[in-house]
């Protein structure tokens, strides 16, 4: 009884492993995903500006949480 249970579990695991490693099915023609355009310097500049705005928003309160300090490039000044 125990041997057949162990054998069944092993076969089940082997089947799941083989299924998990199979290539994904192709997407239908109406659900194709478009490739993202290559990033440019303008995109990088916009991203940096957005990051700086987020830092100011996070650290703009009277007291900045100590866990946020490693995220910010410079320490929070506490201004508002």
N, C-alpha and C. Protein backbone atom coordinates (compact mmCIF):
# COMPACT_ATOMS: atom_id res chain seq x y z
N UNK A 1 0.82 -1.19 0.00
CA UNK A 1 0.00 0.00 0.00
C UNK A 1 0.86 1.26 0.00
N UNK A 2 1.84 1.32 0.90
CA UNK A 2 2.69 2.50 0.99
C UNK A 2 3.54 2.66 -0.26
N UNK A 3 3.99 1.51 -0.83
CA UNK A 3 4.82 1.58 -2.03
C UNK A 3 4.02 2.13 -3.21
N UNK A 4 2.77 1.72 -3.33
CA UNK A 4 1.95 2.21 -4.44
C UNK A 4 1.64 3.69 -4.27
N UNK A 5 1.49 4.16 -3.03
CA UNK A 5 1.25 5.57 -2.77
C UNK A 5 2.48 6.39 -3.15
N UNK A 6 3.65 5.92 -2.77
CA UNK A 6 4.90 6.62 -3.11
C UNK A 6 5.09 6.63 -4.62
N UNK A 7 4.81 5.52 -5.28
CA UNK A 7 4.94 5.44 -6.73
C UNK A 7 3.97 6.40 -7.42
N UNK A 8 2.76 6.49 -6.92
CA UNK A 8 1.77 7.41 -7.49
C UNK A 8 2.21 8.85 -7.33
N UNK A 9 2.72 9.20 -6.16
CA UNK A 9 3.19 10.56 -5.92
C UNK A 9 4.36 10.89 -6.83
N UNK A 10 5.29 9.96 -7.00
CA UNK A 10 6.45 10.19 -7.88
C UNK A 10 6.00 10.39 -9.33
N UNK A 11 5.07 9.59 -9.79
CA UNK A 11 4.57 9.74 -11.16
C UNK A 11 3.82 11.06 -11.33
N UNK A 12 3.07 11.46 -10.32
CA UNK A 12 2.37 12.73 -10.37
C UNK A 12 3.36 13.89 -10.43
N UNK A 13 4.40 13.85 -9.61
CA UNK A 13 5.42 14.90 -9.63
C UNK A 13 6.15 14.94 -10.97
N UNK A 14 6.43 13.77 -11.55
CA UNK A 14 7.10 13.74 -12.84
C UNK A 14 6.21 14.35 -13.92
N UNK A 15 4.93 14.08 -13.88
CA UNK A 15 4.01 14.65 -14.84
C UNK A 15 3.88 16.15 -14.70
N UNK A 16 3.78 16.63 -13.47
CA UNK A 16 3.68 18.07 -13.24
C UNK A 16 4.96 18.77 -13.68
N UNK A 17 6.10 18.16 -13.42
CA UNK A 17 7.38 18.74 -13.83
C UNK A 17 7.47 18.83 -15.35
N UNK A 18 7.08 17.80 -16.04
CA UNK A 18 7.11 17.81 -17.50
C UNK A 18 6.15 18.85 -18.05
N UNK A 19 4.98 18.97 -17.45
CA UNK A 19 3.99 19.94 -17.90
C UNK A 19 4.49 21.37 -17.66
N UNK A 20 5.16 21.61 -16.53
CA UNK A 20 5.65 22.94 -16.20
C UNK A 20 6.77 23.38 -17.14
N UNK A 21 7.52 22.43 -17.68
CA UNK A 21 8.63 22.77 -18.55
C UNK A 21 8.24 22.85 -20.02
N UNK A 22 7.00 22.54 -20.33
CA UNK A 22 6.57 22.62 -21.73
C UNK A 22 6.46 24.07 -22.16
N UNK A 23 6.70 24.36 -23.44
CA UNK A 23 6.63 25.75 -23.90
C UNK A 23 5.21 26.28 -23.82
N UNK A 24 5.05 27.59 -23.58
CA UNK A 24 3.71 28.15 -23.47
C UNK A 24 2.98 28.12 -24.81
N UNK A 25 1.68 28.08 -24.74
CA UNK A 25 0.87 28.09 -25.96
C UNK A 25 0.97 29.45 -26.62
N UNK A 26 0.87 29.47 -27.93
CA UNK A 26 0.93 30.74 -28.65
C UNK A 26 -0.33 31.54 -28.38
N UNK A 27 -0.16 32.87 -28.39
CA UNK A 27 -1.31 33.72 -28.16
C UNK A 27 -2.12 33.83 -29.45
N UNK A 28 -3.41 33.93 -29.35
CA UNK A 28 -4.23 34.09 -30.55
C UNK A 28 -3.90 35.39 -31.26
N UNK A 29 -4.25 35.49 -32.53
CA UNK A 29 -3.91 36.66 -33.34
C UNK A 29 -4.52 37.94 -32.78
N UNK A 30 -5.68 37.84 -32.18
CA UNK A 30 -6.32 39.06 -31.68
C UNK A 30 -5.80 39.49 -30.31
N UNK A 31 -4.94 38.70 -29.69
CA UNK A 31 -4.39 39.05 -28.39
C UNK A 31 -2.87 39.21 -28.44
N UNK A 32 -2.33 39.56 -29.56
CA UNK A 32 -0.89 39.71 -29.68
C UNK A 32 -0.45 40.95 -28.90
N UNK A 33 0.68 40.82 -28.25
CA UNK A 33 1.21 41.94 -27.51
C UNK A 33 2.21 42.68 -28.37
N UNK A 34 2.16 43.98 -28.34
CA UNK A 34 3.08 44.80 -29.13
C UNK A 34 4.37 44.98 -28.33
N UNK A 35 5.46 44.99 -29.04
CA UNK A 35 6.76 45.20 -28.39
C UNK A 35 6.86 46.65 -27.97
N UNK A 36 7.45 46.87 -26.81
CA UNK A 36 7.62 48.23 -26.32
C UNK A 36 8.66 48.95 -27.16
N UNK A 37 8.44 50.22 -27.44
CA UNK A 37 9.42 50.96 -28.21
C UNK A 37 10.70 51.13 -27.41
N UNK A 38 11.83 51.24 -28.08
CA UNK A 38 13.08 51.40 -27.34
C UNK A 38 13.07 52.71 -26.55
N UNK A 39 13.64 52.66 -25.37
CA UNK A 39 13.65 53.86 -24.54
C UNK A 39 14.66 54.87 -25.09
N UNK A 40 14.37 56.10 -24.87
CA UNK A 40 15.22 57.18 -25.35
C UNK A 40 15.72 57.99 -24.17
N UNK A 41 16.56 58.96 -24.47
CA UNK A 41 17.08 59.82 -23.41
C UNK A 41 15.96 60.65 -22.79
N UNK A 42 14.96 61.00 -23.60
CA UNK A 42 13.83 61.75 -23.06
C UNK A 42 13.05 60.91 -22.05
N UNK A 43 12.91 59.63 -22.35
CA UNK A 43 12.22 58.73 -21.42
C UNK A 43 13.00 58.63 -20.11
N UNK A 44 14.31 58.54 -20.21
CA UNK A 44 15.14 58.43 -19.01
C UNK A 44 15.05 59.71 -18.19
N UNK A 45 15.06 60.86 -18.86
CA UNK A 45 14.96 62.13 -18.15
C UNK A 45 13.60 62.27 -17.47
N UNK A 46 12.55 61.84 -18.17
CA UNK A 46 11.21 61.90 -17.58
C UNK A 46 11.11 60.97 -16.38
N UNK A 47 11.74 59.81 -16.49
CA UNK A 47 11.72 58.87 -15.36
C UNK A 47 12.46 59.44 -14.16
N UNK A 48 13.62 60.06 -14.40
CA UNK A 48 14.38 60.67 -13.29
C UNK A 48 13.56 61.76 -12.62
N UNK A 49 12.87 62.57 -13.43
CA UNK A 49 12.06 63.66 -12.89
C UNK A 49 10.91 63.09 -12.05
N UNK A 50 10.30 62.03 -12.52
CA UNK A 50 9.21 61.41 -11.78
C UNK A 50 9.70 60.81 -10.47
N UNK A 51 10.89 60.22 -10.49
CA UNK A 51 11.48 59.65 -9.27
C UNK A 51 11.75 60.76 -8.25
N UNK A 52 12.28 61.88 -8.73
CA UNK A 52 12.55 63.01 -7.82
C UNK A 52 11.26 63.54 -7.22
N UNK A 53 10.18 63.60 -8.03
CA UNK A 53 8.90 64.06 -7.50
C UNK A 53 8.37 63.10 -6.44
N UNK A 54 8.55 61.80 -6.66
CA UNK A 54 8.12 60.82 -5.68
C UNK A 54 8.93 60.94 -4.39
N UNK A 55 10.23 61.17 -4.52
CA UNK A 55 11.06 61.36 -3.33
C UNK A 55 10.59 62.57 -2.53
N UNK A 56 10.29 63.66 -3.24
CA UNK A 56 9.82 64.86 -2.56
C UNK A 56 8.47 64.61 -1.90
N UNK A 57 7.62 63.84 -2.55
CA UNK A 57 6.31 63.53 -1.97
C UNK A 57 6.46 62.68 -0.71
N UNK A 58 7.33 61.66 -0.79
CA UNK A 58 7.53 60.77 0.35
C UNK A 58 8.20 61.48 1.51
N UNK A 59 9.14 62.35 1.22
CA UNK A 59 9.91 63.00 2.28
C UNK A 59 9.43 64.42 2.53
N UNK A 60 8.32 64.80 1.98
CA UNK A 60 7.83 66.16 2.15
C UNK A 60 7.14 66.40 3.47
N UNK A 61 6.81 65.37 4.20
CA UNK A 61 6.13 65.56 5.47
C UNK A 61 7.12 66.07 6.52
N UNK A 62 6.60 66.36 7.71
CA UNK A 62 7.45 66.89 8.78
C UNK A 62 8.52 65.90 9.21
N UNK A 63 8.19 64.63 9.14
CA UNK A 63 9.14 63.60 9.57
C UNK A 63 9.15 62.48 8.55
N UNK A 64 10.33 62.14 8.07
CA UNK A 64 10.46 61.07 7.09
C UNK A 64 10.71 59.76 7.82
N UNK A 65 10.04 58.71 7.39
CA UNK A 65 10.20 57.41 8.02
C UNK A 65 11.63 56.91 7.78
N UNK A 66 12.30 56.36 8.80
CA UNK A 66 13.70 55.92 8.65
C UNK A 66 13.88 54.85 7.57
N UNK A 67 12.86 54.05 7.29
CA UNK A 67 13.00 53.01 6.28
C UNK A 67 13.03 53.60 4.87
N UNK A 68 12.60 54.83 4.70
CA UNK A 68 12.60 55.46 3.38
C UNK A 68 13.94 56.11 3.06
N UNK A 69 14.77 56.29 4.04
CA UNK A 69 16.05 56.96 3.81
C UNK A 69 16.94 56.24 2.82
N UNK A 70 17.07 54.90 2.84
CA UNK A 70 17.91 54.25 1.84
C UNK A 70 17.37 54.41 0.42
N UNK A 71 16.08 54.66 0.25
CA UNK A 71 15.49 54.83 -1.06
C UNK A 71 15.89 56.16 -1.66
N UNK A 72 15.89 57.18 -0.84
CA UNK A 72 16.21 58.53 -1.33
C UNK A 72 17.71 58.66 -1.53
N UNK A 73 18.08 59.40 -2.58
CA UNK A 73 19.50 59.62 -2.87
C UNK A 73 20.12 60.53 -1.82
N UNK A 74 19.34 61.48 -1.32
CA UNK A 74 19.82 62.36 -0.27
C UNK A 74 18.83 62.31 0.89
N UNK A 75 19.28 62.60 2.10
CA UNK A 75 18.38 62.49 3.25
C UNK A 75 17.25 63.50 3.15
N UNK A 76 16.16 63.19 3.80
CA UNK A 76 14.99 64.05 3.80
C UNK A 76 15.28 65.29 4.64
N UNK A 77 14.82 66.44 4.15
CA UNK A 77 15.06 67.67 4.87
C UNK A 77 13.90 68.02 5.79
N UNK A 78 12.75 67.44 5.58
CA UNK A 78 11.62 67.67 6.44
C UNK A 78 10.84 68.91 6.06
N UNK A 79 11.19 69.57 4.96
CA UNK A 79 10.46 70.75 4.52
C UNK A 79 9.13 70.36 3.94
N UNK A 80 8.39 71.29 3.47
CA UNK A 80 7.10 70.89 3.03
C UNK A 80 6.64 71.48 1.80
